Amino acid sequence: YQHDVDQSKLQNELDMVVQSCVNSVGVNINTASHS
């Protein structure tokens, strides 16, 4: 039901999850994409 829920709240939560995962793993600055 991702299209039925509050889209702004969903986007904020998912962005936070992605940010948390990326930073918990760490990023190789020499190979990582800009995404």
All heavy atoms as atom14 arrays in JSON, in Angstrom:
{
  "sequence": "YQHDVDQSKLQNELDMVVQSCVNSVGVNINTASHS",
  "atom14_mask": [
    [1, 1, 1, 1, 1, 1, 1, 1, 1, 1, 1, 1, 0, 0],
    [1, 1, 1, 1, 1, 1, 1, 1, 1, 0, 0, 0, 0, 0],
    [1, 1, 1, 1, 1, 1, 1, 1, 1, 1, 0, 0, 0, 0],
    [1, 1, 1, 1, 1, 1, 1, 1, 0, 0, 0, 0, 0, 0],
    [1, 1, 1, 1, 1, 1, 1, 0, 0, 0, 0, 0, 0, 0],
    [1, 1, 1, 1, 1, 1, 1, 1, 0, 0, 0, 0, 0, 0],
    [1, 1, 1, 1, 1, 1, 1, 1, 1, 0, 0, 0, 0, 0],
    [1, 1, 1, 1, 1, 1, 0, 0, 0, 0, 0, 0, 0, 0],
    [1, 1, 1, 1, 1, 1, 1, 1, 1, 0, 0, 0, 0, 0],
    [1, 1, 1, 1, 1, 1, 1, 1, 0, 0, 0, 0, 0, 0],
    [1, 1, 1, 1, 1, 1, 1, 1, 1, 0, 0, 0, 0, 0],
    [1, 1, 1, 1, 1, 1, 1, 1, 0, 0, 0, 0, 0, 0],
    [1, 1, 1, 1, 1, 1, 1, 1, 1, 0, 0, 0, 0, 0],
    [1, 1, 1, 1, 1, 1, 1, 1, 0, 0, 0, 0, 0, 0],
    [1, 1, 1, 1, 1, 1, 1, 1, 0, 0, 0, 0, 0, 0],
    [1, 1, 1, 1, 1, 1, 1, 1, 0, 0, 0, 0, 0, 0],
    [1, 1, 1, 1, 1, 1, 1, 0, 0, 0, 0, 0, 0, 0],
    [1, 1, 1, 1, 1, 1, 1, 0, 0, 0, 0, 0, 0, 0],
    [1, 1, 1, 1, 1, 1, 1, 1, 1, 0, 0, 0, 0, 0],
    [1, 1, 1, 1, 1, 1, 0, 0, 0, 0, 0, 0, 0, 0],
    [1, 1, 1, 1, 1, 1, 0, 0, 0, 0, 0, 0, 0, 0],
    [1, 1, 1, 1, 1, 1, 1, 0, 0, 0, 0, 0, 0, 0],
    [1, 1, 1, 1, 1, 1, 1, 1, 0, 0, 0, 0, 0, 0],
    [1, 1, 1, 1, 1, 1, 0, 0, 0, 0, 0, 0, 0, 0],
    [1, 1, 1, 1, 1, 1, 1, 0, 0, 0, 0, 0, 0, 0],
    [1, 1, 1, 1, 0, 0, 0, 0, 0, 0, 0, 0, 0, 0],
    [1, 1, 1, 1, 1, 1, 1, 0, 0, 0, 0, 0, 0, 0],
    [1, 1, 1, 1, 1, 1, 1, 1, 0, 0, 0, 0, 0, 0],
    [1, 1, 1, 1, 1, 1, 1, 1, 0, 0, 0, 0, 0, 0],
    [1, 1, 1, 1, 1, 1, 1, 1, 0, 0, 0, 0, 0, 0],
    [1, 1, 1, 1, 1, 1, 1, 0, 0, 0, 0, 0, 0, 0],
    [1, 1, 1, 1, 1, 0, 0, 0, 0, 0, 0, 0, 0, 0],
    [1, 1, 1, 1, 1, 1, 0, 0, 0, 0, 0, 0, 0, 0],
    [1, 1, 1, 1, 1, 1, 1, 1, 1, 1, 0, 0, 0, 0],
    [1, 1, 1, 1, 1, 1, 0, 0, 0, 0, 0, 0, 0, 0]
  ],
  "atom14_positions": [
    [[0.82, -1.22, 0.0], [0.0, 0.0, 0.0], [0.86, 1.26, 0.0], [0.46, 2.28, 0.55], [-0.97, 0.0, 1.2], [-1.83, -1.23, 1.26], [-1.59, -2.24, 2.18], [-2.89, -1.39, 0.37], [-2.37, -3.39, 2.2], [-3.67, -2.53, 0.39], [-3.41, -3.53, 1.31], [-4.18, -4.67, 1.33], [0.0, 0.0, 0.0], [0.0, 0.0, 0.0]],
    [[2.05, 1.19, -0.63], [2.92, 2.36, -0.59], [2.34, 3.55, -1.35], [2.7, 4.7, -1.09], [4.33, 2.05, -1.12], [4.4, 1.51, -2.53], [4.63, 0.02, -2.52], [4.02, -0.69, -1.75], [5.49, -0.45, -3.4], [0.0, 0.0, 0.0], [0.0, 0.0, 0.0], [0.0, 0.0, 0.0], [0.0, 0.0, 0.0], [0.0, 0.0, 0.0]],
    [[1.41, 3.29, -2.28], [0.79, 4.39, -3.02], [-0.43, 4.96, -2.28], [-0.98, 5.97, -2.68], [0.4, 3.94, -4.42], [1.55, 3.4, -5.21], [2.63, 4.2, -5.57], [1.84, 2.15, -5.66], [3.51, 3.47, -6.23], [3.07, 2.23, -6.29], [0.0, 0.0, 0.0], [0.0, 0.0, 0.0], [0.0, 0.0, 0.0], [0.0, 0.0, 0.0]],
    [[-0.83, 4.3, -1.19], [-2.02, 4.73, -0.45], [-1.68, 5.54, 0.79], [-2.53, 6.2, 1.35], [-2.85, 3.5, -0.02], [-3.25, 2.63, -1.19], [-4.28, 2.92, -1.8], [-2.53, 1.67, -1.51], [0.0, 0.0, 0.0], [0.0, 0.0, 0.0], [0.0, 0.0, 0.0], [0.0, 0.0, 0.0], [0.0, 0.0, 0.0], [0.0, 0.0, 0.0]],
    [[-0.43, 5.47, 1.23], [-0.05, 6.14, 2.48], [0.41, 7.56, 2.2], [0.62, 7.95, 1.04], [1.06, 5.36, 3.23], [0.59, 3.96, 3.57], [2.36, 5.31, 2.43], [0.0, 0.0, 0.0], [0.0, 0.0, 0.0], [0.0, 0.0, 0.0], [0.0, 0.0, 0.0], [0.0, 0.0, 0.0], [0.0, 0.0, 0.0], [0.0, 0.0, 0.0]],
    [[0.59, 8.34, 3.25], [1.07, 9.72, 3.15], [2.43, 9.72, 2.44], [3.43, 9.23, 2.97], [1.2, 10.31, 4.56], [1.62, 11.76, 4.57], [2.54, 12.12, 3.81], [1.06, 12.53, 5.36], [0.0, 0.0, 0.0], [0.0, 0.0, 0.0], [0.0, 0.0, 0.0], [0.0, 0.0, 0.0], [0.0, 0.0, 0.0], [0.0, 0.0, 0.0]],
    [[2.47, 10.27, 1.23], [3.66, 10.17, 0.38], [4.85, 10.96, 0.93], [5.99, 10.52, 0.83], [3.33, 10.64, -1.04], [2.37, 9.73, -1.78], [2.87, 8.3, -1.9], [3.85, 8.04, -2.58], [2.21, 7.35, -1.25], [0.0, 0.0, 0.0], [0.0, 0.0, 0.0], [0.0, 0.0, 0.0], [0.0, 0.0, 0.0], [0.0, 0.0, 0.0]],
    [[4.57, 12.1, 1.53], [5.66, 12.92, 2.1], [6.3, 12.2, 3.29], [7.53, 12.12, 3.4], [5.1, 14.27, 2.54], [6.07, 15.01, 3.22], [0.0, 0.0, 0.0], [0.0, 0.0, 0.0], [0.0, 0.0, 0.0], [0.0, 0.0, 0.0], [0.0, 0.0, 0.0], [0.0, 0.0, 0.0], [0.0, 0.0, 0.0], [0.0, 0.0, 0.0]],
    [[5.45, 11.64, 4.15], [5.94, 10.92, 5.34], [6.73, 9.67, 4.9], [7.77, 9.35, 5.47], [4.76, 10.52, 6.22], [5.14, 10.16, 7.64], [3.92, 9.71, 8.43], [3.13, 10.85, 8.97], [2.06, 10.4, 9.91], [0.0, 0.0, 0.0], [0.0, 0.0, 0.0], [0.0, 0.0, 0.0], [0.0, 0.0, 0.0], [0.0, 0.0, 0.0]],
    [[6.19, 8.96, 3.89], [6.86, 7.76, 3.37], [8.24, 8.11, 2.82], [9.23, 7.45, 3.14], [6.0, 7.11, 2.28], [6.62, 5.91, 1.54], [6.84, 4.74, 2.49], [5.74, 5.48, 0.37], [0.0, 0.0, 0.0], [0.0, 0.0, 0.0], [0.0, 0.0, 0.0], [0.0, 0.0, 0.0], [0.0, 0.0, 0.0], [0.0, 0.0, 0.0]],
    [[8.3, 9.16, 2.0], [9.57, 9.55, 1.39], [10.61, 9.93, 2.44], [11.77, 9.53, 2.36], [9.34, 10.73, 0.43], [10.52, 10.97, -0.51], [10.8, 9.79, -1.43], [9.92, 9.34, -2.16], [12.02, 9.27, -1.4], [0.0, 0.0, 0.0], [0.0, 0.0, 0.0], [0.0, 0.0, 0.0], [0.0, 0.0, 0.0], [0.0, 0.0, 0.0]],
    [[10.18, 10.69, 3.44], [11.1, 11.1, 4.52], [11.66, 9.89, 5.26], [12.86, 9.81, 5.54], [10.38, 12.02, 5.51], [10.13, 13.4, 4.94], [10.77, 13.79, 3.98], [9.19, 14.13, 5.51], [0.0, 0.0, 0.0], [0.0, 0.0, 0.0], [0.0, 0.0, 0.0], [0.0, 0.0, 0.0], [0.0, 0.0, 0.0], [0.0, 0.0, 0.0]],
    [[10.77, 8.94, 5.57], [11.18, 7.74, 6.31], [12.14, 6.89, 5.49], [13.16, 6.42, 5.99], [9.95, 6.92, 6.69], [10.22, 5.73, 7.6], [10.65, 6.12, 9.01], [10.3, 7.22, 9.47], [11.33, 5.3, 9.65], [0.0, 0.0, 0.0], [0.0, 0.0, 0.0], [0.0, 0.0, 0.0], [0.0, 0.0, 0.0], [0.0, 0.0, 0.0]],
    [[11.83, 6.71, 4.2], [12.68, 5.88, 3.35], [14.04, 6.54, 3.12], [15.07, 5.87, 3.09], [11.99, 5.6, 2.01], [10.67, 4.81, 2.1], [10.14, 4.49, 0.71], [10.81, 3.54, 2.92], [0.0, 0.0, 0.0], [0.0, 0.0, 0.0], [0.0, 0.0, 0.0], [0.0, 0.0, 0.0], [0.0, 0.0, 0.0], [0.0, 0.0, 0.0]],
    [[14.03, 7.87, 2.97], [15.31, 8.59, 2.81], [16.19, 8.4, 4.04], [17.41, 8.23, 3.93], [15.05, 10.09, 2.59], [14.58, 10.39, 1.17], [14.7, 9.5, 0.31], [14.08, 11.51, 0.94], [0.0, 0.0, 0.0], [0.0, 0.0, 0.0], [0.0, 0.0, 0.0], [0.0, 0.0, 0.0], [0.0, 0.0, 0.0], [0.0, 0.0, 0.0]],
    [[15.55, 8.44, 5.23], [16.3, 8.24, 6.47], [16.89, 6.84, 6.56], [18.01, 6.64, 7.01], [15.4, 8.51, 7.68], [15.2, 9.99, 7.97], [14.15, 10.28, 9.41], [15.2, 9.65, 10.72], [0.0, 0.0, 0.0], [0.0, 0.0, 0.0], [0.0, 0.0, 0.0], [0.0, 0.0, 0.0], [0.0, 0.0, 0.0], [0.0, 0.0, 0.0]],
    [[16.11, 5.85, 6.07], [16.58, 4.45, 6.09], [17.79, 4.31, 5.16], [18.8, 3.71, 5.54], [15.46, 3.48, 5.65], [16.02, 2.09, 5.38], [14.39, 3.4, 6.72], [0.0, 0.0, 0.0], [0.0, 0.0, 0.0], [0.0, 0.0, 0.0], [0.0, 0.0, 0.0], [0.0, 0.0, 0.0], [0.0, 0.0, 0.0], [0.0, 0.0, 0.0]],
    [[17.68, 4.86, 3.96], [18.79, 4.77, 3.0], [20.04, 5.45, 3.57], [21.14, 4.9, 3.53], [18.41, 5.39, 1.64], [19.6, 5.34, 0.68], [17.22, 4.66, 1.02], [0.0, 0.0, 0.0], [0.0, 0.0, 0.0], [0.0, 0.0, 0.0], [0.0, 0.0, 0.0], [0.0, 0.0, 0.0], [0.0, 0.0, 0.0], [0.0, 0.0, 0.0]],
    [[19.84, 6.64, 4.14], [20.97, 7.36, 4.73], [21.61, 6.56, 5.86], [22.84, 6.46, 5.96], [20.5, 8.72, 5.27], [21.65, 9.6, 5.75], [21.2, 10.89, 6.39], [20.32, 10.89, 7.25], [21.79, 12.0, 6.01], [0.0, 0.0, 0.0], [0.0, 0.0, 0.0], [0.0, 0.0, 0.0], [0.0, 0.0, 0.0], [0.0, 0.0, 0.0]],
    [[20.77, 5.95, 6.7], [21.27, 5.14, 7.81], [22.1, 3.96, 7.3], [23.19, 3.68, 7.8], [20.1, 4.64, 8.66], [20.53, 3.7, 9.61], [0.0, 0.0, 0.0], [0.0, 0.0, 0.0], [0.0, 0.0, 0.0], [0.0, 0.0, 0.0], [0.0, 0.0, 0.0], [0.0, 0.0, 0.0], [0.0, 0.0, 0.0], [0.0, 0.0, 0.0]],
    [[21.57, 3.26, 6.29], [22.27, 2.08, 5.74], [23.6, 2.46, 5.09], [24.62, 1.82, 5.32], [21.38, 1.37, 4.72], [19.92, 0.58, 5.44], [0.0, 0.0, 0.0], [0.0, 0.0, 0.0], [0.0, 0.0, 0.0], [0.0, 0.0, 0.0], [0.0, 0.0, 0.0], [0.0, 0.0, 0.0], [0.0, 0.0, 0.0], [0.0, 0.0, 0.0]],
    [[23.56, 3.51, 4.27], [24.78, 3.94, 3.57], [25.87, 4.31, 4.56], [27.03, 3.91, 4.42], [24.47, 5.13, 2.63], [25.77, 5.76, 2.1], [23.6, 4.68, 1.46], [0.0, 0.0, 0.0], [0.0, 0.0, 0.0], [0.0, 0.0, 0.0], [0.0, 0.0, 0.0], [0.0, 0.0, 0.0], [0.0, 0.0, 0.0], [0.0, 0.0, 0.0]],
    [[25.5, 5.06, 5.6], [26.51, 5.51, 6.57], [26.95, 4.41, 7.53], [28.08, 4.44, 8.03], [25.98, 6.72, 7.33], [25.91, 7.95, 6.45], [26.93, 8.53, 6.09], [24.71, 8.34, 6.05], [0.0, 0.0, 0.0], [0.0, 0.0, 0.0], [0.0, 0.0, 0.0], [0.0, 0.0, 0.0], [0.0, 0.0, 0.0], [0.0, 0.0, 0.0]],
    [[26.09, 3.43, 7.79], [26.5, 2.33, 8.67], [27.49, 1.4, 7.97], [28.35, 0.8, 8.61], [25.27, 1.53, 9.15], [24.62, 0.9, 8.07], [0.0, 0.0, 0.0], [0.0, 0.0, 0.0], [0.0, 0.0, 0.0], [0.0, 0.0, 0.0], [0.0, 0.0, 0.0], [0.0, 0.0, 0.0], [0.0, 0.0, 0.0], [0.0, 0.0, 0.0]],
    [[27.4, 1.32, 6.64], [28.32, 0.47, 5.86], [29.58, 1.26, 5.5], [30.69, 0.73, 5.52], [27.63, -0.06, 4.58], [28.64, -0.72, 3.64], [26.53, -1.04, 4.95], [0.0, 0.0, 0.0], [0.0, 0.0, 0.0], [0.0, 0.0, 0.0], [0.0, 0.0, 0.0], [0.0, 0.0, 0.0], [0.0, 0.0, 0.0], [0.0, 0.0, 0.0]],
    [[29.41, 2.55, 5.19], [30.53, 3.35, 4.72], [30.63, 3.31, 3.2], [30.1, 2.39, 2.56], [0.0, 0.0, 0.0], [0.0, 0.0, 0.0], [0.0, 0.0, 0.0], [0.0, 0.0, 0.0], [0.0, 0.0, 0.0], [0.0, 0.0, 0.0], [0.0, 0.0, 0.0], [0.0, 0.0, 0.0], [0.0, 0.0, 0.0], [0.0, 0.0, 0.0]],
    [[31.31, 4.3, 2.62], [31.35, 4.41, 1.16], [32.79, 4.61, 0.68], [33.53, 5.44, 1.22], [30.48, 5.62, 0.71], [30.69, 5.93, -0.76], [29.01, 5.35, 0.99], [0.0, 0.0, 0.0], [0.0, 0.0, 0.0], [0.0, 0.0, 0.0], [0.0, 0.0, 0.0], [0.0, 0.0, 0.0], [0.0, 0.0, 0.0], [0.0, 0.0, 0.0]],
    [[33.17, 3.82, -0.32], [34.48, 3.99, -0.96], [34.39, 5.22, -1.87], [33.76, 5.17, -2.94], [34.83, 2.75, -1.77], [36.21, 2.83, -2.39], [36.76, 3.91, -2.59], [36.79, 1.67, -2.72], [0.0, 0.0, 0.0], [0.0, 0.0, 0.0], [0.0, 0.0, 0.0], [0.0, 0.0, 0.0], [0.0, 0.0, 0.0], [0.0, 0.0, 0.0]],
    [[35.0, 6.31, -1.48], [34.87, 7.58, -2.2], [35.45, 7.51, -3.61], [35.07, 8.29, -4.49], [35.53, 8.73, -1.4], [35.09, 10.09, -1.96], [37.05, 8.58, -1.36], [35.5, 11.27, -1.12], [0.0, 0.0, 0.0], [0.0, 0.0, 0.0], [0.0, 0.0, 0.0], [0.0, 0.0, 0.0], [0.0, 0.0, 0.0], [0.0, 0.0, 0.0]],
    [[36.33, 6.55, -3.87], [36.97, 6.46, -5.18], [36.19, 5.63, -6.2], [36.52, 5.65, -7.39], [38.4, 5.91, -5.05], [39.34, 6.96, -4.49], [39.24, 8.13, -4.84], [40.24, 6.55, -3.61], [0.0, 0.0, 0.0], [0.0, 0.0, 0.0], [0.0, 0.0, 0.0], [0.0, 0.0, 0.0], [0.0, 0.0, 0.0], [0.0, 0.0, 0.0]],
    [[35.18, 4.89, -5.75], [34.4, 4.08, -6.7], [32.9, 4.38, -6.65], [32.17, 4.01, -7.56], [34.59, 2.57, -6.41], [34.17, 2.29, -5.06], [36.03, 2.14, -6.6], [0.0, 0.0, 0.0], [0.0, 0.0, 0.0], [0.0, 0.0, 0.0], [0.0, 0.0, 0.0], [0.0, 0.0, 0.0], [0.0, 0.0, 0.0], [0.0, 0.0, 0.0]],
    [[32.43, 5.06, -5.62], [30.99, 5.27, -5.42], [30.4, 6.2, -6.48], [31.02, 7.17, -6.91], [30.73, 5.83, -4.03], [0.0, 0.0, 0.0], [0.0, 0.0, 0.0], [0.0, 0.0, 0.0], [0.0, 0.0, 0.0], [0.0, 0.0, 0.0], [0.0, 0.0, 0.0], [0.0, 0.0, 0.0], [0.0, 0.0, 0.0], [0.0, 0.0, 0.0]],
    [[29.16, 5.89, -6.88], [28.41, 6.76, -7.81], [27.93, 7.99, -7.04], [27.91, 8.0, -5.81], [27.19, 6.01, -8.36], [26.28, 5.73, -7.29], [0.0, 0.0, 0.0], [0.0, 0.0, 0.0], [0.0, 0.0, 0.0], [0.0, 0.0, 0.0], [0.0, 0.0, 0.0], [0.0, 0.0, 0.0], [0.0, 0.0, 0.0], [0.0, 0.0, 0.0]],
    [[27.54, 9.03, -7.78], [27.05, 10.23, -7.09], [25.74, 9.93, -6.35], [25.42, 10.57, -5.35], [26.91, 11.42, -8.04], [25.83, 11.29, -9.07], [24.49, 11.46, -8.8], [25.9, 11.02, -10.4], [23.79, 11.31, -9.9], [24.62, 11.03, -10.88], [0.0, 0.0, 0.0], [0.0, 0.0, 0.0], [0.0, 0.0, 0.0], [0.0, 0.0, 0.0]],
    [[24.97, 8.91, -6.83], [23.74, 8.51, -6.13], [24.05, 8.01, -4.73], [23.39, 8.39, -3.76], [23.02, 7.4, -6.91], [22.75, 7.8, -8.22], [0.0, 0.0, 0.0], [0.0, 0.0, 0.0], [0.0, 0.0, 0.0], [0.0, 0.0, 0.0], [0.0, 0.0, 0.0], [0.0, 0.0, 0.0], [0.0, 0.0, 0.0], [0.0, 0.0, 0.0]]
  ]
}
